[in-house]
Amino acid sequence: MAGSNGKQKSARDMILSLGLIMIAAGVIYLFIPHDDHAPDIKRVDYRVELLTARRAASYPVAAPEGLPESWKATSVRFQGDKFDAWHLGFQDPDGEYVAVEQSTQKRSTFIDEASQGATATKTSEEIGGRTWTRYTGGRYDALVLQDTDGSTTVVTGTASFDRLMKMAGALKMT
């Protein structure tokens, strides 16, 4: 009987240790912040980059005019050394992503990269006096401007086609 007392003591010690660990874990959980909200994306001012791109690019650079404040510009870049690539990214009012992409890169290659592999449909949209072809994909959908010489313009993103069309309609190319 002397051996059973030792076994009871070690089992009791294990249960007490487990209880202390659970209490410590609960206290730690209470003090760790739990923020399930998406991070607030900072608005960027793209005016300087737009002016630079419009001076340097070999094509009319597109940027929206007249969009409501609820459309937030989130990223901008012009890469003259990489096919005069122009990128302007937005968060739409629903929190979805919309981007304007332009380049002098080979049209099919650029569309594939900008739309992340979306494929052309037989649907065309007349938006703002210009004809755009719809592309659908797994991650992004896109609108591709038809009949452009020397460059390709793509409006793409995770947003609905209605939002992509709104962006395409707001684009001014100068």
Protein backbone atom coordinates (compact mmCIF):
# COMPACT_ATOMS: atom_id res chain seq x y z
CA MET A 1 0.00 0.00 0.00
CA ALA A 2 2.94 2.28 0.37
CA GLY A 3 3.36 2.46 -3.43
CA SER A 4 -0.20 3.57 -4.18
CA ASN A 5 0.15 6.76 -2.12
CA GLY A 6 2.98 7.91 -4.41
CA LYS A 7 0.91 7.24 -7.52
CA GLN A 8 -2.03 9.22 -6.13
CA LYS A 9 0.28 12.12 -5.26
CA SER A 10 1.82 12.27 -8.77
CA ALA A 11 -1.65 12.11 -10.43
CA ARG A 12 -2.88 14.92 -8.15
CA ASP A 13 0.23 16.99 -9.01
CA MET A 14 -0.37 16.49 -12.73
CA ILE A 15 -4.01 17.62 -12.43
CA LEU A 16 -2.97 20.70 -10.41
CA SER A 17 -0.27 21.54 -12.98
CA LEU A 18 -2.74 21.17 -15.82
CA GLY A 19 -5.19 23.47 -13.98
CA LEU A 20 -2.48 26.12 -13.48
CA ILE A 21 -1.54 25.93 -17.16
CA MET A 22 -5.21 26.39 -18.16
CA ILE A 23 -5.54 29.43 -15.86
CA ALA A 24 -2.33 30.94 -17.28
CA ALA A 25 -3.54 30.35 -20.84
CA GLY A 26 -6.89 31.99 -20.03
CA VAL A 27 -5.17 35.07 -18.57
CA ILE A 28 -2.89 35.36 -21.61
CA TYR A 29 -5.89 35.03 -23.94
CA LEU A 30 -7.65 37.90 -22.15
CA PHE A 31 -4.71 40.26 -22.64
CA ILE A 32 -4.02 39.51 -26.31
CA PRO A 33 -5.93 41.93 -28.58
CA HIS A 34 -8.54 40.30 -30.80
CA ASP A 35 -9.21 42.53 -33.77
CA ASP A 36 -11.14 40.72 -36.48
CA HIS A 37 -11.62 43.85 -38.60
CA ALA A 38 -9.72 44.26 -41.84
CA PRO A 39 -6.89 46.76 -41.50
CA ASP A 40 -7.65 50.28 -42.62
CA ILE A 41 -5.85 50.82 -45.91
CA LYS A 42 -4.15 54.18 -46.24
CA ARG A 43 -5.28 56.50 -49.03
CA VAL A 44 -2.48 57.59 -51.38
CA ASP A 45 -2.18 60.78 -53.39
CA TYR A 46 -1.28 59.82 -56.95
CA ARG A 47 -1.17 63.27 -58.59
CA VAL A 48 2.63 63.55 -58.80
CA GLU A 49 3.05 60.05 -60.23
CA LEU A 50 0.22 60.72 -62.70
CA LEU A 51 1.90 63.89 -63.97
CA THR A 52 5.21 62.06 -64.27
CA ALA A 53 3.63 59.17 -66.15
CA ARG A 54 1.76 61.49 -68.51
CA ARG A 55 5.01 63.26 -69.39
CA ALA A 56 7.06 60.08 -69.79
CA ALA A 57 4.70 57.47 -71.26
CA SER A 58 4.39 56.91 -74.98
CA TYR A 59 0.58 56.61 -74.71
CA PRO A 60 -2.30 58.56 -73.11
CA VAL A 61 -2.21 57.62 -69.40
CA ALA A 62 -5.57 56.79 -67.81
CA ALA A 63 -6.78 58.05 -64.43
CA PRO A 64 -10.31 58.43 -63.08
CA GLU A 65 -12.06 61.76 -62.69
CA GLY A 66 -15.24 62.33 -60.74
CA LEU A 67 -15.28 59.19 -58.60
CA PRO A 68 -16.86 59.68 -55.15
CA GLU A 69 -14.64 59.96 -52.06
CA SER A 70 -15.72 56.43 -51.13
CA TRP A 71 -13.28 55.18 -53.79
CA LYS A 72 -9.88 55.14 -52.09
CA ALA A 73 -6.64 55.20 -54.10
CA THR A 74 -4.33 52.69 -52.41
CA SER A 75 -1.37 52.16 -54.73
CA VAL A 76 0.34 53.88 -57.64
CA ARG A 77 3.47 53.34 -59.73
CA PHE A 78 4.92 54.14 -63.10
CA GLN A 79 7.79 52.03 -64.40
CA GLY A 80 9.26 53.61 -67.51
CA ASP A 81 11.93 50.94 -67.74
CA LYS A 82 9.32 48.14 -67.77
CA PHE A 83 7.21 48.78 -70.86
CA ASP A 84 6.01 52.18 -69.55
CA ALA A 85 3.87 50.27 -67.04
CA TRP A 86 1.24 52.37 -65.25
CA HIS A 87 -0.62 51.00 -62.22
CA LEU A 88 -3.26 52.74 -60.14
CA GLY A 89 -5.04 50.67 -57.48
CA PHE A 90 -8.25 51.51 -55.62
CA GLN A 91 -10.47 50.14 -52.90
CA ASP A 92 -14.08 50.50 -54.01
CA PRO A 93 -16.93 51.45 -51.62
CA ASP A 94 -17.55 47.75 -50.88
CA GLY A 95 -13.91 47.15 -49.92
CA GLU A 96 -13.07 45.31 -53.15
CA TYR A 97 -9.98 45.93 -55.27
CA VAL A 98 -10.03 47.74 -58.62
CA ALA A 99 -6.90 48.58 -60.63
CA VAL A 100 -6.13 50.50 -63.78
CA GLU A 101 -3.22 48.89 -65.61
CA GLN A 102 -1.53 50.16 -68.79
CA SER A 103 1.57 49.10 -70.63
CA THR A 104 3.33 48.89 -73.98
CA GLN A 105 4.15 45.23 -73.28
CA LYS A 106 2.91 42.61 -75.77
CA ARG A 107 -0.89 42.78 -75.48
CA SER A 108 -1.65 39.11 -74.74
CA THR A 109 1.14 38.84 -72.15
CA PHE A 110 0.13 42.05 -70.42
CA ILE A 111 -3.57 41.16 -70.27
CA ASP A 112 -2.73 37.76 -68.80
CA GLU A 113 -0.50 39.31 -66.12
CA ALA A 114 -2.79 42.25 -65.29
CA SER A 115 -5.92 40.11 -65.07
CA GLN A 116 -4.13 37.23 -63.32
CA GLY A 117 -5.05 34.74 -66.00
CA ALA A 118 -8.61 35.82 -66.79
CA THR A 119 -9.92 34.74 -70.19
CA ALA A 120 -11.80 36.76 -72.78
CA THR A 121 -15.55 36.39 -73.10
CA LYS A 122 -17.69 37.23 -76.11
CA THR A 123 -19.25 40.11 -74.17
CA SER A 124 -18.34 43.69 -74.97
CA GLU A 125 -19.41 46.82 -73.12
CA GLU A 126 -19.81 50.31 -74.52
CA ILE A 127 -18.58 52.55 -71.69
CA GLY A 128 -17.94 56.25 -72.06
CA GLY A 129 -17.84 56.03 -75.84
CA ARG A 130 -15.22 53.26 -75.79
CA THR A 131 -15.57 49.51 -76.31
CA TRP A 132 -14.31 47.19 -73.59
CA THR A 133 -14.11 43.38 -73.69
CA ARG A 134 -15.03 41.41 -70.57
CA TYR A 135 -12.55 38.90 -69.17
CA THR A 136 -13.46 36.47 -66.40
CA GLY A 137 -11.12 34.62 -64.10
CA GLY A 138 -10.78 32.78 -60.85
CA ARG A 139 -9.34 35.63 -58.82
CA TYR A 140 -9.83 38.76 -60.95
CA ASP A 141 -12.29 39.83 -63.59
CA ALA A 142 -11.29 42.50 -66.09
CA LEU A 143 -12.33 44.91 -68.80
CA VAL A 144 -9.85 45.40 -71.66
CA LEU A 145 -10.05 48.46 -73.88
CA GLN A 146 -10.31 47.56 -77.56
CA ASP A 147 -8.63 49.31 -80.49
CA THR A 148 -5.64 50.91 -78.80
CA ASP A 149 -2.42 51.38 -80.70
CA GLY A 150 0.91 50.95 -78.94
CA SER A 151 -0.48 50.25 -75.49
CA THR A 152 -3.03 48.16 -73.62
CA THR A 153 -5.47 49.41 -70.97
CA VAL A 154 -7.00 47.00 -68.44
CA VAL A 155 -9.40 47.68 -65.58
CA THR A 156 -9.20 44.65 -63.30
CA GLY A 157 -9.75 43.44 -59.76
CA THR A 158 -11.91 41.53 -57.32
CA ALA A 159 -14.80 43.97 -57.63
CA SER A 160 -18.01 43.28 -59.54
CA PHE A 161 -18.31 44.10 -63.23
CA ASP A 162 -20.55 47.03 -62.24
CA ARG A 163 -17.68 48.53 -60.24
CA LEU A 164 -15.16 47.78 -62.98
CA MET A 165 -17.48 49.49 -65.47
CA LYS A 166 -17.83 52.51 -63.17
CA MET A 167 -14.04 52.85 -63.07
CA ALA A 168 -13.74 52.39 -66.84
CA GLY A 169 -16.38 55.09 -67.37
CA ALA A 170 -14.52 57.52 -65.11
CA LEU A 171 -11.17 57.15 -66.90
CA LYS A 172 -9.72 60.16 -68.66
CA MET A 173 -6.78 59.51 -70.93
CA THR A 174 -4.35 62.33 -71.58
